[in-house]
Amino acid sequence: MREIDKINHPHCLVKIYGLNDKWIVRLDFSKHAIEHKFDAQTIDLQTLKNKITSEWIDLHASIFNQLYDRTKEITG
């Protein structure tokens, strides 16, 4: 897996990797991370980067905050 690009955002670190005709977008929050895979033959890198908006990232941040709160309920 090869790192292609980084996107700075106040809530997380976003990295784009290339691997076997796939783009992998990793959103790395302080306690959680998620990866999305996209077919590189379906979407080019610049289009993908244009679609990774602050709103898209903020949606993930909201979901991760909910997950973190639920995890804290379990662990105390």
Protein backbone atom coordinates (compact mmCIF):
# COMPACT_ATOMS: atom_id res chain seq x y z
CA MET A 1 0.00 0.00 0.00
CA ARG A 2 1.47 3.32 -1.05
CA GLU A 3 0.50 6.67 0.43
CA ILE A 4 -0.68 9.00 -2.33
CA ASP A 5 -1.91 12.10 -0.53
CA LYS A 6 -2.96 13.64 2.80
CA ILE A 7 -5.85 15.95 3.51
CA ASN A 8 -5.65 18.16 6.59
CA HIS A 9 -8.79 18.49 8.65
CA PRO A 10 -9.26 19.70 12.25
CA HIS A 11 -11.09 16.52 13.37
CA CYS A 12 -8.90 13.84 11.85
CA LEU A 13 -6.07 12.91 9.55
CA VAL A 14 -7.18 11.78 6.10
CA LYS A 15 -4.78 9.75 3.98
CA ILE A 16 -5.30 8.34 0.51
CA TYR A 17 -3.45 5.18 -0.43
CA GLY A 18 -3.17 3.28 -3.69
CA LEU A 19 -3.30 -0.52 -3.72
CA ASN A 20 -4.17 -2.96 -6.51
CA ASP A 21 -6.38 -0.64 -8.61
CA LYS A 22 -8.08 0.68 -5.46
CA TRP A 23 -8.00 3.99 -3.66
CA ILE A 24 -8.13 3.54 0.08
CA VAL A 25 -9.27 6.58 2.06
CA ARG A 26 -8.36 6.30 5.74
CA LEU A 27 -9.91 8.67 8.26
CA ASP A 28 -7.91 8.52 11.46
CA PHE A 29 -9.56 9.96 14.55
CA SER A 30 -7.96 9.91 17.99
CA LYS A 31 -9.69 6.72 19.16
CA HIS A 32 -11.00 5.16 15.93
CA ALA A 33 -10.14 4.85 12.27
CA ILE A 34 -12.06 3.76 9.21
CA GLU A 35 -11.05 2.93 5.67
CA HIS A 36 -13.14 3.23 2.54
CA LYS A 37 -12.14 1.48 -0.68
CA PHE A 38 -12.89 2.92 -4.10
CA ASP A 39 -12.30 1.35 -7.50
CA ALA A 40 -9.56 3.36 -9.21
CA GLN A 41 -10.99 2.42 -12.62
CA THR A 42 -14.33 3.97 -11.68
CA ILE A 43 -13.12 7.19 -10.05
CA ASP A 44 -9.90 9.09 -10.70
CA LEU A 45 -7.81 10.51 -7.90
CA GLN A 46 -8.70 14.16 -8.43
CA THR A 47 -12.45 13.45 -8.50
CA LEU A 48 -12.10 11.40 -5.33
CA LYS A 49 -10.18 14.18 -3.59
CA ASN A 50 -12.85 16.71 -4.65
CA LYS A 51 -15.55 14.54 -3.08
CA ILE A 52 -13.74 14.30 0.26
CA THR A 53 -15.28 17.49 1.59
CA SER A 54 -15.36 18.88 5.11
CA GLU A 55 -19.04 17.91 5.28
CA TRP A 56 -18.20 14.29 4.37
CA ILE A 57 -15.46 14.16 7.00
CA ASP A 58 -17.65 15.88 9.62
CA LEU A 59 -20.33 13.23 9.08
CA HIS A 60 -17.78 10.57 9.97
CA ALA A 61 -16.65 12.59 13.00
CA SER A 62 -20.24 12.69 14.24
CA ILE A 63 -20.63 8.95 13.81
CA PHE A 64 -17.32 8.28 15.56
CA ASN A 65 -18.30 10.50 18.49
CA GLN A 66 -21.44 8.40 18.90
CA LEU A 67 -19.39 5.20 18.73
CA TYR A 68 -16.90 6.55 21.25
CA ASP A 69 -19.72 7.46 23.65
CA ARG A 70 -21.15 3.96 23.33
CA THR A 71 -17.73 2.42 23.95
CA LYS A 72 -17.30 4.55 27.08
CA GLU A 73 -20.65 3.19 28.35
CA ILE A 74 -19.21 -0.32 28.16
CA THR A 75 -15.78 0.41 29.58
CA GLY A 76 -16.94 2.83 32.25
